[in-house]
């Protein structure tokens, strides 16, 4: 299951309103937060889709799979990536 939420930068505009959602991440599921520098640095068509494919890989290699998509030719912005994985057995 994939959810996508695009929003303005946090704290950039004081009056910005955000939607609230509750999503239960299943054991082994991943949650990825990233700035536009990641998708801008990938270039080409469907960078978000390519990122989704990369995080579907083995958890141990997911982050290296994501960063391997970056093309130095397009990488002009700062990049922040936070990848979380829910472990089994925790509530």
N, C-alpha and C. Protein backbone atom coordinates (compact mmCIF):
# COMPACT_ATOMS: atom_id res chain seq x y z
N UNK A 1 0.84 -1.16 0.00
CA UNK A 1 0.00 0.00 0.00
C UNK A 1 0.90 1.24 0.00
N UNK A 2 0.59 2.18 -0.85
CA UNK A 2 1.38 3.39 -0.94
C UNK A 2 0.47 4.60 -0.75
N UNK A 3 0.87 5.49 0.14
CA UNK A 3 0.20 6.77 0.33
C UNK A 3 1.15 7.85 -0.12
N UNK A 4 0.60 8.88 -0.70
CA UNK A 4 1.44 10.00 -1.12
C UNK A 4 0.80 11.29 -0.63
N UNK A 5 1.61 12.09 0.02
CA UNK A 5 1.13 13.38 0.49
C UNK A 5 2.20 14.41 0.18
N UNK A 6 1.85 15.39 -0.59
CA UNK A 6 2.78 16.46 -0.94
C UNK A 6 2.29 17.71 -0.23
N UNK A 7 3.19 18.40 0.44
CA UNK A 7 2.80 19.60 1.15
C UNK A 7 3.91 20.63 1.07
N UNK A 8 3.58 21.88 1.37
CA UNK A 8 4.61 22.92 1.40
C UNK A 8 5.62 22.64 2.51
N UNK A 9 6.73 23.26 2.43
CA UNK A 9 7.76 23.09 3.46
C UNK A 9 7.21 23.46 4.82
N UNK A 10 7.52 22.64 5.81
CA UNK A 10 7.05 22.91 7.17
C UNK A 10 7.68 24.20 7.68
N UNK A 11 6.86 25.07 8.22
CA UNK A 11 7.33 26.30 8.82
C UNK A 11 7.59 27.43 7.83
N UNK A 12 7.44 27.18 6.55
CA UNK A 12 7.73 28.21 5.55
C UNK A 12 6.65 29.29 5.52
N UNK A 13 5.39 28.86 5.58
CA UNK A 13 4.27 29.79 5.57
C UNK A 13 3.46 29.56 6.84
N UNK A 14 3.34 30.59 7.66
CA UNK A 14 2.70 30.47 8.98
C UNK A 14 1.24 30.00 8.87
N UNK A 15 0.50 30.46 7.89
CA UNK A 15 -0.93 30.17 7.80
C UNK A 15 -1.24 28.86 7.08
N UNK A 16 -0.27 28.08 6.73
CA UNK A 16 -0.51 26.84 6.01
C UNK A 16 -1.28 25.86 6.87
N UNK A 17 -2.28 25.23 6.28
CA UNK A 17 -3.04 24.21 6.99
C UNK A 17 -2.70 22.85 6.40
N UNK A 18 -2.60 21.87 7.26
CA UNK A 18 -2.24 20.52 6.84
C UNK A 18 -3.37 19.56 7.16
N UNK A 19 -3.49 18.52 6.36
CA UNK A 19 -4.45 17.47 6.63
C UNK A 19 -3.88 16.53 7.68
N UNK A 20 -4.74 16.00 8.53
CA UNK A 20 -4.32 15.00 9.52
C UNK A 20 -4.87 13.65 9.09
N UNK A 21 -4.04 12.65 9.14
CA UNK A 21 -4.44 11.29 8.81
C UNK A 21 -3.80 10.33 9.80
N UNK A 22 -4.49 9.24 10.04
CA UNK A 22 -3.92 8.17 10.84
C UNK A 22 -3.69 6.99 9.90
N UNK A 23 -2.49 6.50 9.90
CA UNK A 23 -2.14 5.36 9.06
C UNK A 23 -1.42 4.36 9.95
N UNK A 24 -1.85 3.13 9.91
CA UNK A 24 -1.16 2.09 10.67
C UNK A 24 -0.16 1.42 9.73
N UNK A 25 1.09 1.48 10.12
CA UNK A 25 2.15 0.88 9.33
C UNK A 25 2.28 -0.57 9.78
N UNK A 26 2.10 -1.52 8.88
CA UNK A 26 2.18 -2.92 9.28
C UNK A 26 3.62 -3.31 9.64
N UNK A 27 3.79 -4.36 10.43
CA UNK A 27 5.16 -4.82 10.73
C UNK A 27 5.94 -5.05 9.45
N UNK A 28 7.14 -4.52 9.41
CA UNK A 28 7.98 -4.60 8.21
C UNK A 28 7.72 -3.47 7.22
N UNK A 29 6.66 -2.68 7.44
CA UNK A 29 6.33 -1.57 6.56
C UNK A 29 7.30 -0.42 6.73
N UNK A 30 7.38 0.43 5.73
CA UNK A 30 8.31 1.56 5.75
C UNK A 30 7.56 2.87 5.56
N UNK A 31 8.12 3.93 6.13
CA UNK A 31 7.60 5.27 5.97
C UNK A 31 8.76 6.16 5.56
N UNK A 32 8.60 6.85 4.45
CA UNK A 32 9.68 7.67 3.90
C UNK A 32 9.26 9.13 3.87
N UNK A 33 10.09 9.98 4.45
CA UNK A 33 9.94 11.43 4.35
C UNK A 33 11.14 11.94 3.55
N UNK A 34 10.89 12.87 2.63
CA UNK A 34 12.02 13.43 1.88
C UNK A 34 11.67 14.81 1.37
N UNK A 35 12.70 15.60 1.13
CA UNK A 35 12.52 16.93 0.57
C UNK A 35 12.57 16.85 -0.95
N UNK A 36 12.17 17.93 -1.59
CA UNK A 36 12.13 17.95 -3.05
C UNK A 36 13.52 17.83 -3.66
N UNK A 37 14.56 18.05 -2.88
CA UNK A 37 15.92 17.88 -3.40
C UNK A 37 16.17 16.47 -3.88
N UNK A 38 15.50 15.49 -3.26
CA UNK A 38 15.67 14.10 -3.69
C UNK A 38 15.11 13.89 -5.09
N UNK A 39 13.85 14.24 -5.29
CA UNK A 39 13.24 14.02 -6.61
C UNK A 39 13.85 14.92 -7.67
N UNK A 40 14.24 16.15 -7.31
CA UNK A 40 14.91 17.03 -8.27
C UNK A 40 16.27 16.46 -8.67
N UNK A 41 16.93 15.81 -7.73
CA UNK A 41 18.26 15.26 -7.99
C UNK A 41 18.24 13.97 -8.79
N UNK A 42 17.07 13.37 -8.94
CA UNK A 42 16.95 12.15 -9.73
C UNK A 42 16.76 12.50 -11.20
N UNK A 43 15.91 13.47 -11.46
CA UNK A 43 15.65 13.87 -12.83
C UNK A 43 14.89 12.80 -13.59
N UNK A 44 14.64 13.07 -14.86
CA UNK A 44 13.94 12.10 -15.69
C UNK A 44 12.46 12.04 -15.38
N UNK A 45 11.82 11.02 -15.93
CA UNK A 45 10.39 10.84 -15.74
C UNK A 45 10.10 10.04 -14.48
N UNK A 46 9.01 10.39 -13.81
CA UNK A 46 8.52 9.65 -12.65
C UNK A 46 9.55 9.40 -11.54
N UNK A 47 10.22 10.45 -11.04
CA UNK A 47 11.20 10.21 -9.97
C UNK A 47 10.57 9.64 -8.71
N UNK A 48 9.31 10.03 -8.40
CA UNK A 48 8.65 9.50 -7.21
C UNK A 48 8.43 8.00 -7.35
N UNK A 49 8.04 7.55 -8.53
CA UNK A 49 7.85 6.13 -8.77
C UNK A 49 9.14 5.35 -8.63
N UNK A 50 10.23 5.94 -9.08
CA UNK A 50 11.52 5.28 -8.94
C UNK A 50 11.94 5.17 -7.49
N UNK A 51 11.61 6.20 -6.69
CA UNK A 51 11.90 6.15 -5.26
C UNK A 51 11.07 5.04 -4.60
N UNK A 52 9.79 4.94 -4.96
CA UNK A 52 8.93 3.89 -4.40
C UNK A 52 9.48 2.50 -4.72
N UNK A 53 9.94 2.32 -5.93
CA UNK A 53 10.55 1.03 -6.30
C UNK A 53 11.79 0.77 -5.46
N UNK A 54 12.58 1.78 -5.22
CA UNK A 54 13.83 1.61 -4.46
C UNK A 54 13.57 1.23 -3.01
N UNK A 55 12.53 1.79 -2.38
CA UNK A 55 12.29 1.43 -0.99
C UNK A 55 11.62 0.08 -0.86
N UNK A 56 11.13 -0.46 -1.96
CA UNK A 56 10.57 -1.80 -1.94
C UNK A 56 11.64 -2.86 -1.81
N UNK A 57 12.88 -2.48 -2.02
CA UNK A 57 14.00 -3.41 -1.91
C UNK A 57 14.19 -3.84 -0.47
N UNK A 58 15.10 -4.75 -0.27
CA UNK A 58 15.47 -5.21 1.07
C UNK A 58 15.78 -4.00 1.94
N UNK A 59 15.31 -4.03 3.18
CA UNK A 59 15.48 -2.89 4.08
C UNK A 59 16.94 -2.50 4.28
N UNK A 60 17.81 -3.49 4.28
CA UNK A 60 19.23 -3.20 4.50
C UNK A 60 19.83 -2.39 3.36
N UNK A 61 19.26 -2.52 2.18
CA UNK A 61 19.81 -1.81 1.01
C UNK A 61 18.90 -0.70 0.50
N UNK A 62 17.75 -0.47 1.16
CA UNK A 62 16.80 0.52 0.67
C UNK A 62 17.41 1.91 0.56
N UNK A 63 18.12 2.36 1.59
CA UNK A 63 18.68 3.72 1.55
C UNK A 63 19.74 3.84 0.46
N UNK A 64 20.59 2.84 0.32
CA UNK A 64 21.60 2.93 -0.74
C UNK A 64 20.95 2.85 -2.12
N UNK A 65 19.84 2.12 -2.24
CA UNK A 65 19.10 2.08 -3.50
C UNK A 65 18.52 3.44 -3.85
N UNK A 66 18.02 4.15 -2.82
CA UNK A 66 17.46 5.48 -3.04
C UNK A 66 18.56 6.45 -3.47
N UNK A 67 19.66 6.47 -2.74
CA UNK A 67 20.71 7.44 -3.05
C UNK A 67 21.41 7.12 -4.37
N UNK A 68 21.36 5.86 -4.80
CA UNK A 68 21.98 5.51 -6.09
C UNK A 68 21.21 6.10 -7.26
N UNK A 69 19.97 6.52 -7.03
CA UNK A 69 19.17 7.13 -8.09
C UNK A 69 19.61 8.56 -8.41
N UNK A 70 20.34 9.18 -7.48
CA UNK A 70 20.73 10.58 -7.66
C UNK A 70 21.70 10.75 -8.82
N UNK A 71 21.44 11.76 -9.61
CA UNK A 71 22.30 12.09 -10.74
C UNK A 71 23.01 13.40 -10.39
N UNK A 72 24.34 13.37 -10.24
CA UNK A 72 25.08 14.60 -9.87
C UNK A 72 24.79 15.78 -10.80
N UNK A 73 24.40 15.50 -12.03
CA UNK A 73 24.09 16.55 -12.99
C UNK A 73 22.87 17.36 -12.56
N UNK A 74 21.92 16.70 -11.86
CA UNK A 74 20.69 17.37 -11.43
C UNK A 74 20.71 17.77 -9.96
N UNK A 75 21.69 17.34 -9.22
CA UNK A 75 21.71 17.51 -7.77
C UNK A 75 22.24 18.90 -7.38
N UNK A 76 21.34 19.90 -7.40
CA UNK A 76 21.72 21.27 -7.06
C UNK A 76 21.11 21.73 -5.74
N UNK A 77 20.22 20.94 -5.16
CA UNK A 77 19.50 21.33 -3.95
C UNK A 77 19.95 20.44 -2.79
N UNK A 78 19.72 20.91 -1.57
CA UNK A 78 20.01 20.05 -0.42
C UNK A 78 18.97 18.93 -0.38
N UNK A 79 19.34 17.83 0.24
CA UNK A 79 18.47 16.65 0.29
C UNK A 79 18.36 16.18 1.74
N UNK A 80 17.13 15.92 2.15
CA UNK A 80 16.89 15.31 3.44
C UNK A 80 16.05 14.07 3.21
N UNK A 81 16.49 12.95 3.79
CA UNK A 81 15.77 11.69 3.65
C UNK A 81 15.65 11.06 5.04
N UNK A 82 14.45 10.67 5.40
CA UNK A 82 14.22 9.94 6.64
C UNK A 82 13.41 8.71 6.29
N UNK A 83 14.01 7.53 6.46
CA UNK A 83 13.36 6.27 6.16
C UNK A 83 13.17 5.50 7.46
N UNK A 84 11.90 5.22 7.80
CA UNK A 84 11.58 4.50 9.02
C UNK A 84 11.01 3.14 8.65
N UNK A 85 11.34 2.12 9.44
CA UNK A 85 10.78 0.79 9.24
C UNK A 85 10.19 0.31 10.55
N UNK A 86 8.96 -0.18 10.50
CA UNK A 86 8.33 -0.73 11.70
C UNK A 86 8.82 -2.15 11.89
N UNK A 87 9.34 -2.41 13.08
CA UNK A 87 9.81 -3.74 13.41
C UNK A 87 8.64 -4.62 13.86
N UNK A 88 8.78 -5.90 13.71
CA UNK A 88 7.75 -6.83 14.15
C UNK A 88 7.69 -6.88 15.67
N UNK A 89 6.53 -7.15 16.20
CA UNK A 89 6.40 -7.35 17.63
C UNK A 89 6.20 -6.09 18.45
N UNK A 90 6.22 -4.93 17.83
CA UNK A 90 6.01 -3.69 18.57
C UNK A 90 4.65 -3.12 18.21
N UNK A 91 4.03 -2.46 19.16
CA UNK A 91 2.70 -1.88 18.93
C UNK A 91 2.84 -0.50 18.36
